[in-house]
Full PDB file with SEQRES, HELIX, SHEET, SSBOND, CRYST1, ORIGX, SCALE, CONECT and MASTER records, all heavy atoms in Angstrom:
SEQRES   1 A   37  PRO VAL PRO ILE PRO PRO ILE PRO GLN ILE PRO VAL TYR          
SEQRES   2 A   37  GLY ARG CYS GLU PRO VAL SER THR ASN LEU SER GLY THR          
SEQRES   3 A   37  GLY ALA ILE GLY ILE LYS VAL LYS GLU ALA LYS                  
SHEET    1 AA1 2 GLY A  14  SER A  20  0                                        
SHEET    2 AA1 2 ILE A  29  ALA A  36 -1                                        
CRYST1    1.000    1.000    1.000  90.00  90.00  90.00 P 1           1          
ORIGX1      1.000000  0.000000  0.000000        0.00000                         
ORIGX2      0.000000  1.000000  0.000000        0.00000                         
ORIGX3      0.000000  0.000000  1.000000        0.00000                         
SCALE1      1.000000  0.000000  0.000000        0.00000                         
SCALE2      0.000000  1.000000  0.000000        0.00000                         
SCALE3      0.000000  0.000000  1.000000        0.00000                         
ATOM      1  N   PRO A   1      25.480  14.217   2.537  1.00  0.00           N  
ATOM      2  CA  PRO A   1      25.057  12.704   2.719  1.00  0.00           C  
ATOM      3  C   PRO A   1      24.762  12.563   4.284  1.00  0.00           C  
ATOM      4  O   PRO A   1      25.476  12.932   5.104  1.00  0.00           O  
ATOM      5  CB  PRO A   1      26.228  12.005   2.272  1.00  0.00           C  
ATOM      6  CG  PRO A   1      27.416  12.857   2.568  1.00  0.00           C  
ATOM      7  CD  PRO A   1      26.903  14.279   2.327  1.00  0.00           C  
ATOM      8  N   VAL A   2      23.682  11.837   4.401  1.00  0.00           N  
ATOM      9  CA  VAL A   2      23.218  11.309   5.817  1.00  0.00           C  
ATOM     10  C   VAL A   2      23.049   9.827   5.720  1.00  0.00           C  
ATOM     11  O   VAL A   2      21.892   9.401   5.550  1.00  0.00           O  
ATOM     12  CB  VAL A   2      21.966  12.052   6.218  1.00  0.00           C  
ATOM     13  CG1 VAL A   2      21.732  11.718   7.686  1.00  0.00           C  
ATOM     14  CG2 VAL A   2      22.098  13.620   6.126  1.00  0.00           C  
ATOM     15  N   PRO A   3      24.020   9.090   5.820  1.00  0.00           N  
ATOM     16  CA  PRO A   3      23.924   7.559   5.813  1.00  0.00           C  
ATOM     17  C   PRO A   3      23.204   7.061   7.100  1.00  0.00           C  
ATOM     18  O   PRO A   3      23.513   7.561   8.136  1.00  0.00           O  
ATOM     19  CB  PRO A   3      25.281   7.067   5.735  1.00  0.00           C  
ATOM     20  CG  PRO A   3      26.160   8.163   6.271  1.00  0.00           C  
ATOM     21  CD  PRO A   3      25.564   9.411   6.009  1.00  0.00           C  
ATOM     22  N   ILE A   4      22.261   6.280   6.867  1.00  0.00           N  
ATOM     23  CA  ILE A   4      21.482   5.661   8.018  1.00  0.00           C  
ATOM     24  C   ILE A   4      21.904   4.165   8.147  1.00  0.00           C  
ATOM     25  O   ILE A   4      21.820   3.395   7.260  1.00  0.00           O  
ATOM     26  CB  ILE A   4      20.000   5.843   7.837  1.00  0.00           C  
ATOM     27  CG1 ILE A   4      19.603   7.305   7.361  1.00  0.00           C  
ATOM     28  CG2 ILE A   4      19.194   5.440   9.033  1.00  0.00           C  
ATOM     29  CD1 ILE A   4      19.970   8.346   8.397  1.00  0.00           C  
ATOM     30  N   PRO A   5      22.175   3.764   9.444  1.00  0.00           N  
ATOM     31  CA  PRO A   5      22.474   2.266   9.688  1.00  0.00           C  
ATOM     32  C   PRO A   5      21.275   1.524   9.453  1.00  0.00           C  
ATOM     33  O   PRO A   5      20.062   1.899   9.487  1.00  0.00           O  
ATOM     34  CB  PRO A   5      22.898   2.284  11.166  1.00  0.00           C  
ATOM     35  CG  PRO A   5      22.322   3.477  11.767  1.00  0.00           C  
ATOM     36  CD  PRO A   5      22.196   4.569  10.761  1.00  0.00           C  
ATOM     37  N   PRO A   6      21.418   0.214   9.127  1.00  0.00           N  
ATOM     38  CA  PRO A   6      20.297  -0.707   8.965  1.00  0.00           C  
ATOM     39  C   PRO A   6      19.315  -0.690  10.136  1.00  0.00           C  
ATOM     40  O   PRO A   6      19.766  -0.577  11.303  1.00  0.00           O  
ATOM     41  CB  PRO A   6      20.987  -2.181   8.762  1.00  0.00           C  
ATOM     42  CG  PRO A   6      22.361  -1.805   8.322  1.00  0.00           C  
ATOM     43  CD  PRO A   6      22.724  -0.554   8.980  1.00  0.00           C  
ATOM     44  N   ILE A   7      18.041  -0.775   9.842  1.00  0.00           N  
ATOM     45  CA  ILE A   7      17.028  -0.786  10.896  1.00  0.00           C  
ATOM     46  C   ILE A   7      16.355  -2.143  10.930  1.00  0.00           C  
ATOM     47  O   ILE A   7      15.841  -2.627   9.900  1.00  0.00           O  
ATOM     48  CB  ILE A   7      15.938   0.300  10.570  1.00  0.00           C  
ATOM     49  CG1 ILE A   7      16.727   1.689  10.521  1.00  0.00           C  
ATOM     50  CG2 ILE A   7      14.870   0.325  11.616  1.00  0.00           C  
ATOM     51  CD1 ILE A   7      15.707   2.822  10.153  1.00  0.00           C  
ATOM     52  N   PRO A   8      16.284  -2.885  12.012  1.00  0.00           N  
ATOM     53  CA  PRO A   8      15.680  -4.145  12.146  1.00  0.00           C  
ATOM     54  C   PRO A   8      14.170  -4.169  11.792  1.00  0.00           C  
ATOM     55  O   PRO A   8      13.578  -3.073  11.568  1.00  0.00           O  
ATOM     56  CB  PRO A   8      15.847  -4.484  13.600  1.00  0.00           C  
ATOM     57  CG  PRO A   8      17.031  -3.716  14.025  1.00  0.00           C  
ATOM     58  CD  PRO A   8      16.877  -2.419  13.375  1.00  0.00           C  
ATOM     59  N   GLN A   9      13.610  -5.283  11.690  1.00  0.00           N  
ATOM     60  CA  GLN A   9      12.289  -5.319  11.162  1.00  0.00           C  
ATOM     61  C   GLN A   9      11.348  -4.608  12.145  1.00  0.00           C  
ATOM     62  O   GLN A   9      11.405  -4.844  13.313  1.00  0.00           O  
ATOM     63  CB  GLN A   9      11.769  -6.828  11.103  1.00  0.00           C  
ATOM     64  CG  GLN A   9      10.494  -7.063  10.302  1.00  0.00           C  
ATOM     65  CD  GLN A   9      10.312  -8.595  10.118  1.00  0.00           C  
ATOM     66  OE1 GLN A   9      10.108  -9.220  11.031  1.00  0.00           O  
ATOM     67  NE2 GLN A   9      10.433  -8.914   8.884  1.00  0.00           N  
ATOM     68  N   ILE A  10      10.583  -3.753  11.522  1.00  0.00           N  
ATOM     69  CA  ILE A  10       9.658  -2.907  12.244  1.00  0.00           C  
ATOM     70  C   ILE A  10       8.210  -2.984  11.596  1.00  0.00           C  
ATOM     71  O   ILE A  10       8.163  -3.060  10.377  1.00  0.00           O  
ATOM     72  CB  ILE A  10      10.046  -1.382  12.408  1.00  0.00           C  
ATOM     73  CG1 ILE A  10      10.418  -0.928  10.983  1.00  0.00           C  
ATOM     74  CG2 ILE A  10      11.278  -1.335  13.359  1.00  0.00           C  
ATOM     75  CD1 ILE A  10      10.769   0.519  10.973  1.00  0.00           C  
ATOM     76  N   PRO A  11       7.115  -2.833  12.413  1.00  0.00           N  
ATOM     77  CA  PRO A  11       5.712  -2.902  11.818  1.00  0.00           C  
ATOM     78  C   PRO A  11       5.473  -1.716  10.923  1.00  0.00           C  
ATOM     79  O   PRO A  11       5.954  -0.602  11.037  1.00  0.00           O  
ATOM     80  CB  PRO A  11       4.828  -2.856  13.113  1.00  0.00           C  
ATOM     81  CG  PRO A  11       5.727  -3.227  14.145  1.00  0.00           C  
ATOM     82  CD  PRO A  11       7.120  -2.696  13.902  1.00  0.00           C  
ATOM     83  N   VAL A  12       4.738  -1.980   9.856  1.00  0.00           N  
ATOM     84  CA  VAL A  12       4.262  -1.008   8.967  1.00  0.00           C  
ATOM     85  C   VAL A  12       2.786  -1.128   8.755  1.00  0.00           C  
ATOM     86  O   VAL A  12       2.206  -2.152   8.642  1.00  0.00           O  
ATOM     87  CB  VAL A  12       4.908  -1.166   7.491  1.00  0.00           C  
ATOM     88  CG1 VAL A  12       4.406  -0.065   6.625  1.00  0.00           C  
ATOM     89  CG2 VAL A  12       6.371  -1.028   7.579  1.00  0.00           C  
ATOM     90  N   TYR A  13       2.017   0.016   8.802  1.00  0.00           N  
ATOM     91  CA  TYR A  13       0.642   0.079   8.598  1.00  0.00           C  
ATOM     92  C   TYR A  13       0.211   0.879   7.460  1.00  0.00           C  
ATOM     93  O   TYR A  13       0.725   2.022   7.343  1.00  0.00           O  
ATOM     94  CB  TYR A  13      -0.132   0.516   9.835  1.00  0.00           C  
ATOM     95  CG  TYR A  13       0.192  -0.406  11.040  1.00  0.00           C  
ATOM     96  CD1 TYR A  13       1.333  -0.129  11.844  1.00  0.00           C  
ATOM     97  CD2 TYR A  13      -0.742  -1.386  11.423  1.00  0.00           C  
ATOM     98  CE1 TYR A  13       1.644  -0.961  12.951  1.00  0.00           C  
ATOM     99  CE2 TYR A  13      -0.431  -2.194  12.595  1.00  0.00           C  
ATOM    100  CZ  TYR A  13       0.657  -1.959  13.271  1.00  0.00           C  
ATOM    101  OH  TYR A  13       0.962  -2.826  14.429  1.00  0.00           O  
ATOM    102  N   GLY A  14      -0.554   0.454   6.538  1.00  0.00           N  
ATOM    103  CA  GLY A  14      -1.247   1.153   5.525  1.00  0.00           C  
ATOM    104  C   GLY A  14      -2.639   1.388   5.602  1.00  0.00           C  
ATOM    105  O   GLY A  14      -3.327   0.569   5.910  1.00  0.00           O  
ATOM    106  N   ARG A  15      -3.045   2.716   5.399  1.00  0.00           N  
ATOM    107  CA  ARG A  15      -4.513   2.899   5.400  1.00  0.00           C  
ATOM    108  C   ARG A  15      -4.908   2.863   3.919  1.00  0.00           C  
ATOM    109  O   ARG A  15      -4.388   3.569   3.044  1.00  0.00           O  
ATOM    110  CB  ARG A  15      -4.861   4.363   6.035  1.00  0.00           C  
ATOM    111  CG  ARG A  15      -6.368   4.651   5.990  1.00  0.00           C  
ATOM    112  CD  ARG A  15      -6.689   5.845   6.837  1.00  0.00           C  
ATOM    113  NE  ARG A  15      -6.139   7.097   6.356  1.00  0.00           N  
ATOM    114  CZ  ARG A  15      -6.669   7.930   5.433  1.00  0.00           C  
ATOM    115  NH1 ARG A  15      -7.931   7.502   4.933  1.00  0.00           N  
ATOM    116  NH2 ARG A  15      -6.136   8.995   4.995  1.00  0.00           N  
ATOM    117  N   CYS A  16      -5.825   2.006   3.641  1.00  0.00           N  
ATOM    118  CA  CYS A  16      -6.143   1.673   2.168  1.00  0.00           C  
ATOM    119  C   CYS A  16      -7.670   1.733   1.923  1.00  0.00           C  
ATOM    120  O   CYS A  16      -8.438   1.779   2.848  1.00  0.00           O  
ATOM    121  CB  CYS A  16      -5.624   0.295   1.808  1.00  0.00           C  
ATOM    122  SG  CYS A  16      -3.863   0.024   2.237  1.00  0.00           S  
ATOM    123  N   GLU A  17      -7.930   1.593   0.563  1.00  0.00           N  
ATOM    124  CA  GLU A  17      -9.363   1.508   0.218  1.00  0.00           C  
ATOM    125  C   GLU A  17      -9.456   0.534  -0.953  1.00  0.00           C  
ATOM    126  O   GLU A  17      -8.543   0.515  -1.764  1.00  0.00           O  
ATOM    127  CB  GLU A  17     -10.015   2.840  -0.088  1.00  0.00           C  
ATOM    128  CG  GLU A  17      -9.405   3.541  -1.375  1.00  0.00           C  
ATOM    129  CD  GLU A  17     -10.092   4.750  -1.711  1.00  0.00           C  
ATOM    130  OE1 GLU A  17     -11.060   5.123  -0.973  1.00  0.00           O  
ATOM    131  OE2 GLU A  17      -9.734   5.490  -2.604  1.00  0.00           O  
ATOM    132  N   PRO A  18     -10.487  -0.186  -1.020  1.00  0.00           N  
ATOM    133  CA  PRO A  18     -10.691  -1.100  -2.230  1.00  0.00           C  
ATOM    134  C   PRO A  18     -11.135  -0.333  -3.404  1.00  0.00           C  
ATOM    135  O   PRO A  18     -11.884   0.614  -3.254  1.00  0.00           O  
ATOM    136  CB  PRO A  18     -11.751  -2.085  -1.685  1.00  0.00           C  
ATOM    137  CG  PRO A  18     -12.580  -1.319  -0.794  1.00  0.00           C  
ATOM    138  CD  PRO A  18     -11.628  -0.308  -0.107  1.00  0.00           C  
ATOM    139  N   VAL A  19     -10.595  -0.673  -4.564  1.00  0.00           N  
ATOM    140  CA  VAL A  19     -10.897   0.003  -5.799  1.00  0.00           C  
ATOM    141  C   VAL A  19     -11.243  -1.018  -6.880  1.00  0.00           C  
ATOM    142  O   VAL A  19     -10.920  -2.201  -6.709  1.00  0.00           O  
ATOM    143  CB  VAL A  19      -9.795   0.906  -6.321  1.00  0.00           C  
ATOM    144  CG1 VAL A  19      -9.562   2.075  -5.306  1.00  0.00           C  
ATOM    145  CG2 VAL A  19      -8.482   0.172  -6.515  1.00  0.00           C  
ATOM    146  N   SER A  20     -11.974  -0.565  -7.963  1.00  0.00           N  
ATOM    147  CA  SER A  20     -12.373  -1.496  -8.993  1.00  0.00           C  
ATOM    148  C   SER A  20     -11.420  -1.105 -10.180  1.00  0.00           C  
ATOM    149  O   SER A  20     -11.302   0.036 -10.494  1.00  0.00           O  
ATOM    150  CB  SER A  20     -13.853  -1.339  -9.333  1.00  0.00           C  
ATOM    151  OG  SER A  20     -14.154  -2.098 -10.511  1.00  0.00           O  
ATOM    152  N   THR A  21     -10.914  -2.183 -10.929  1.00  0.00           N  
ATOM    153  CA  THR A  21     -10.142  -1.925 -12.076  1.00  0.00           C  
ATOM    154  C   THR A  21     -10.966  -1.551 -13.227  1.00  0.00           C  
ATOM    155  O   THR A  21     -10.510  -0.863 -14.163  1.00  0.00           O  
ATOM    156  CB  THR A  21      -9.252  -3.163 -12.360  1.00  0.00           C  
ATOM    157  OG1 THR A  21     -10.174  -4.308 -12.635  1.00  0.00           O  
ATOM    158  CG2 THR A  21      -8.400  -3.500 -11.292  1.00  0.00           C  
ATOM    159  N   ASN A  22     -12.227  -2.039 -13.324  1.00  0.00           N  
ATOM    160  CA  ASN A  22     -13.121  -1.592 -14.287  1.00  0.00           C  
ATOM    161  C   ASN A  22     -14.555  -2.017 -13.948  1.00  0.00           C  
ATOM    162  O   ASN A  22     -14.735  -2.546 -12.845  1.00  0.00           O  
ATOM    163  CB  ASN A  22     -12.756  -2.070 -15.760  1.00  0.00           C  
ATOM    164  CG  ASN A  22     -12.894  -3.528 -15.873  1.00  0.00           C  
ATOM    165  OD1 ASN A  22     -13.774  -4.167 -15.404  1.00  0.00           O  
ATOM    166  ND2 ASN A  22     -11.773  -4.177 -16.436  1.00  0.00           N  
ATOM    167  N   LEU A  23     -15.533  -1.778 -14.764  1.00  0.00           N  
ATOM    168  CA  LEU A  23     -16.959  -1.977 -14.427  1.00  0.00           C  
ATOM    169  C   LEU A  23     -17.533  -3.235 -15.054  1.00  0.00           C  
ATOM    170  O   LEU A  23     -18.793  -3.314 -14.932  1.00  0.00           O  
ATOM    171  CB  LEU A  23     -17.770  -0.739 -14.701  1.00  0.00           C  
ATOM    172  CG  LEU A  23     -17.276   0.611 -14.098  1.00  0.00           C  
ATOM    173  CD1 LEU A  23     -18.158   1.719 -14.487  1.00  0.00           C  
ATOM    174  CD2 LEU A  23     -17.098   0.471 -12.553  1.00  0.00           C  
ATOM    175  N   SER A  24     -16.809  -4.007 -15.682  1.00  0.00           N  
ATOM    176  CA  SER A  24     -17.322  -5.144 -16.372  1.00  0.00           C  
ATOM    177  C   SER A  24     -17.309  -6.453 -15.625  1.00  0.00           C  
ATOM    178  O   SER A  24     -16.686  -6.481 -14.560  1.00  0.00           O  
ATOM    179  CB  SER A  24     -16.637  -5.372 -17.696  1.00  0.00           C  
ATOM    180  OG  SER A  24     -15.405  -5.967 -17.555  1.00  0.00           O  
ATOM    181  N   GLY A  25     -17.822  -7.526 -16.181  1.00  0.00           N  
ATOM    182  CA  GLY A  25     -17.627  -8.778 -15.444  1.00  0.00           C  
ATOM    183  C   GLY A  25     -16.268  -9.367 -15.291  1.00  0.00           C  
ATOM    184  O   GLY A  25     -16.060 -10.361 -14.671  1.00  0.00           O  
ATOM    185  N   THR A  26     -15.418  -8.723 -16.066  1.00  0.00           N  
ATOM    186  CA  THR A  26     -13.972  -9.226 -16.055  1.00  0.00           C  
ATOM    187  C   THR A  26     -13.136  -8.277 -15.172  1.00  0.00           C  
ATOM    188  O   THR A  26     -11.925  -8.418 -15.199  1.00  0.00           O  
ATOM    189  CB  THR A  26     -13.363  -9.323 -17.408  1.00  0.00           C  
ATOM    190  OG1 THR A  26     -13.388  -8.036 -17.993  1.00  0.00           O  
ATOM    191  CG2 THR A  26     -14.158 -10.285 -18.227  1.00  0.00           C  
ATOM    192  N   GLY A  27     -13.777  -7.436 -14.429  1.00  0.00           N  
ATOM    193  CA  GLY A  27     -13.044  -6.491 -13.589  1.00  0.00           C  
ATOM    194  C   GLY A  27     -12.516  -7.216 -12.313  1.00  0.00           C  
ATOM    195  O   GLY A  27     -12.601  -8.429 -12.147  1.00  0.00           O  
ATOM    196  N   ALA A  28     -11.932  -6.423 -11.378  1.00  0.00           N  
ATOM    197  CA  ALA A  28     -11.233  -7.053 -10.268  1.00  0.00           C  
ATOM    198  C   ALA A  28     -11.170  -6.000  -9.152  1.00  0.00           C  
ATOM    199  O   ALA A  28     -11.339  -4.812  -9.408  1.00  0.00           O  
ATOM    200  CB  ALA A  28      -9.809  -7.450 -10.525  1.00  0.00           C  
ATOM    201  N   ILE A  29     -11.088  -6.421  -7.898  1.00  0.00           N  
ATOM    202  CA  ILE A  29     -10.992  -5.636  -6.680  1.00  0.00           C  
ATOM    203  C   ILE A  29      -9.445  -5.333  -6.476  1.00  0.00           C  
ATOM    204  O   ILE A  29      -8.725  -6.373  -6.450  1.00  0.00           O  
ATOM    205  CB  ILE A  29     -11.548  -6.252  -5.474  1.00  0.00           C  
ATOM    206  CG1 ILE A  29     -13.058  -6.592  -5.687  1.00  0.00           C  
ATOM    207  CG2 ILE A  29     -11.265  -5.383  -4.293  1.00  0.00           C  
ATOM    208  CD1 ILE A  29     -13.642  -7.410  -4.604  1.00  0.00           C  
ATOM    209  N   GLY A  30      -9.028  -4.208  -6.450  1.00  0.00           N  
ATOM    210  CA  GLY A  30      -7.628  -3.819  -6.190  1.00  0.00           C  
ATOM    211  C   GLY A  30      -7.598  -3.000  -4.927  1.00  0.00           C  
ATOM    212  O   GLY A  30      -8.604  -2.672  -4.265  1.00  0.00           O  
ATOM    213  N   ILE A  31      -6.381  -2.602  -4.572  1.00  0.00           N  
ATOM    214  CA  ILE A  31      -6.098  -1.839  -3.280  1.00  0.00           C  
ATOM    215  C   ILE A  31      -5.322  -0.501  -3.565  1.00  0.00           C  
ATOM    216  O   ILE A  31      -4.366  -0.619  -4.233  1.00  0.00           O  
ATOM    217  CB  ILE A  31      -5.366  -2.823  -2.349  1.00  0.00           C  
ATOM    218  CG1 ILE A  31      -6.225  -3.994  -1.929  1.00  0.00           C  
ATOM    219  CG2 ILE A  31      -4.862  -1.967  -1.103  1.00  0.00           C  
ATOM    220  CD1 ILE A  31      -5.457  -4.937  -1.069  1.00  0.00           C  
ATOM    221  N   LYS A  32      -5.870   0.461  -3.014  1.00  0.00           N  
ATOM    222  CA  LYS A  32      -5.102   1.823  -3.236  1.00  0.00           C  
ATOM    223  C   LYS A  32      -4.622   2.240  -1.825  1.00  0.00           C  
ATOM    224  O   LYS A  32      -5.359   2.247  -0.774  1.00  0.00           O  
ATOM    225  CB  LYS A  32      -6.096   2.864  -3.636  1.00  0.00           C  
ATOM    226  CG  LYS A  32      -5.568   4.316  -3.696  1.00  0.00           C  
ATOM    227  CD  LYS A  32      -6.556   5.297  -4.211  1.00  0.00           C  
ATOM    228  CE  LYS A  32      -5.942   6.701  -4.161  1.00  0.00           C  
ATOM    229  NZ  LYS A  32      -6.907   7.797  -4.651  1.00  0.00           N  
ATOM    230  N   VAL A  33      -3.356   2.570  -1.617  1.00  0.00           N  
ATOM    231  CA  VAL A  33      -2.711   2.900  -0.471  1.00  0.00           C  
ATOM    232  C   VAL A  33      -2.944   4.493  -0.255  1.00  0.00           C  
ATOM    233  O   VAL A  33      -2.449   5.263  -1.160  1.00  0.00           O  
ATOM    234  CB  VAL A  33      -1.287   2.515  -0.336  1.00  0.00           C  
ATOM    235  CG1 VAL A  33      -0.623   2.973   0.977  1.00  0.00           C  
ATOM    236  CG2 VAL A  33      -1.144   1.096  -0.575  1.00  0.00           C  
ATOM    237  N   LYS A  34      -3.456   4.895   0.807  1.00  0.00           N  
ATOM    238  CA  LYS A  34      -3.807   6.277   0.974  1.00  0.00           C  
ATOM    239  C   LYS A  34      -2.863   6.922   2.013  1.00  0.00           C  
ATOM    240  O   LYS A  34      -2.518   8.120   1.992  1.00  0.00           O  
ATOM    241  CB  LYS A  34      -5.245   6.614   1.568  1.00  0.00           C  
ATOM    242  CG  LYS A  34      -6.254   5.949   0.484  1.00  0.00           C  
ATOM    243  CD  LYS A  34      -7.658   5.918   1.129  1.00  0.00           C  
ATOM    244  CE  LYS A  34      -8.260   7.274   1.160  1.00  0.00           C  
ATOM    245  NZ  LYS A  34      -9.634   7.334   1.585  1.00  0.00           N  
ATOM    246  N   GLU A  35      -2.316   6.120   2.907  1.00  0.00           N  
ATOM    247  CA  GLU A  35      -1.416   6.676   3.993  1.00  0.00           C  
ATOM    248  C   GLU A  35      -0.610   5.468   4.514  1.00  0.00           C  
ATOM    249  O   GLU A  35      -1.156   4.291   4.545  1.00  0.00           O  
ATOM    250  CB  GLU A  35      -2.229   7.265   5.060  1.00  0.00           C  
ATOM    251  CG  GLU A  35      -1.430   7.835   6.322  1.00  0.00           C  
ATOM    252  CD  GLU A  35      -2.318   8.293   7.411  1.00  0.00           C  
ATOM    253  OE1 GLU A  35      -3.567   8.145   7.279  1.00  0.00           O  
ATOM    254  OE2 GLU A  35      -1.720   8.855   8.375  1.00  0.00           O  
ATOM    255  N   ALA A  36       0.578   5.617   4.960  1.00  0.00           N  
ATOM    256  CA  ALA A  36       1.316   4.587   5.549  1.00  0.00           C  
ATOM    257  C   ALA A  36       2.245   5.115   6.669  1.00  0.00           C  
ATOM    258  O   ALA A  36       2.768   6.320   6.566  1.00  0.00           O  
ATOM    259  CB  ALA A  36       2.238   3.874   4.494  1.00  0.00           C  
ATOM    260  N   LYS A  37       2.506   4.318   7.598  1.00  0.00           N  
ATOM    261  CA  LYS A  37       3.365   4.772   8.718  1.00  0.00           C  
ATOM    262  C   LYS A  37       4.073   3.533   9.346  1.00  0.00           C  
ATOM    263  O   LYS A  37       3.512   2.481   9.436  1.00  0.00           O  
ATOM    264  CB  LYS A  37       2.397   5.396   9.942  1.00  0.00           C  
ATOM    265  CG  LYS A  37       1.894   6.838   9.570  1.00  0.00           C  
ATOM    266  CD  LYS A  37       1.241   7.499  10.756  1.00  0.00           C  
ATOM    267  CE  LYS A  37       0.739   8.818  10.436  1.00  0.00           C  
ATOM    268  NZ  LYS A  37       0.139   9.473  11.663  1.00  0.00           N  
TER     269      LYS A  37                                                      
MASTER        0    0    0    0    2    0    0    6  268    1    0    3          
END                                                                             
């Protein structure tokens, strides 16, 4: 076991791309996360 003490609020960045949920008039723009640091 390697317990880690609480870490205060730190910035997070995600590299994302917009995606479509389907191709019809009832579709929507969603977000896919490709990388995070």
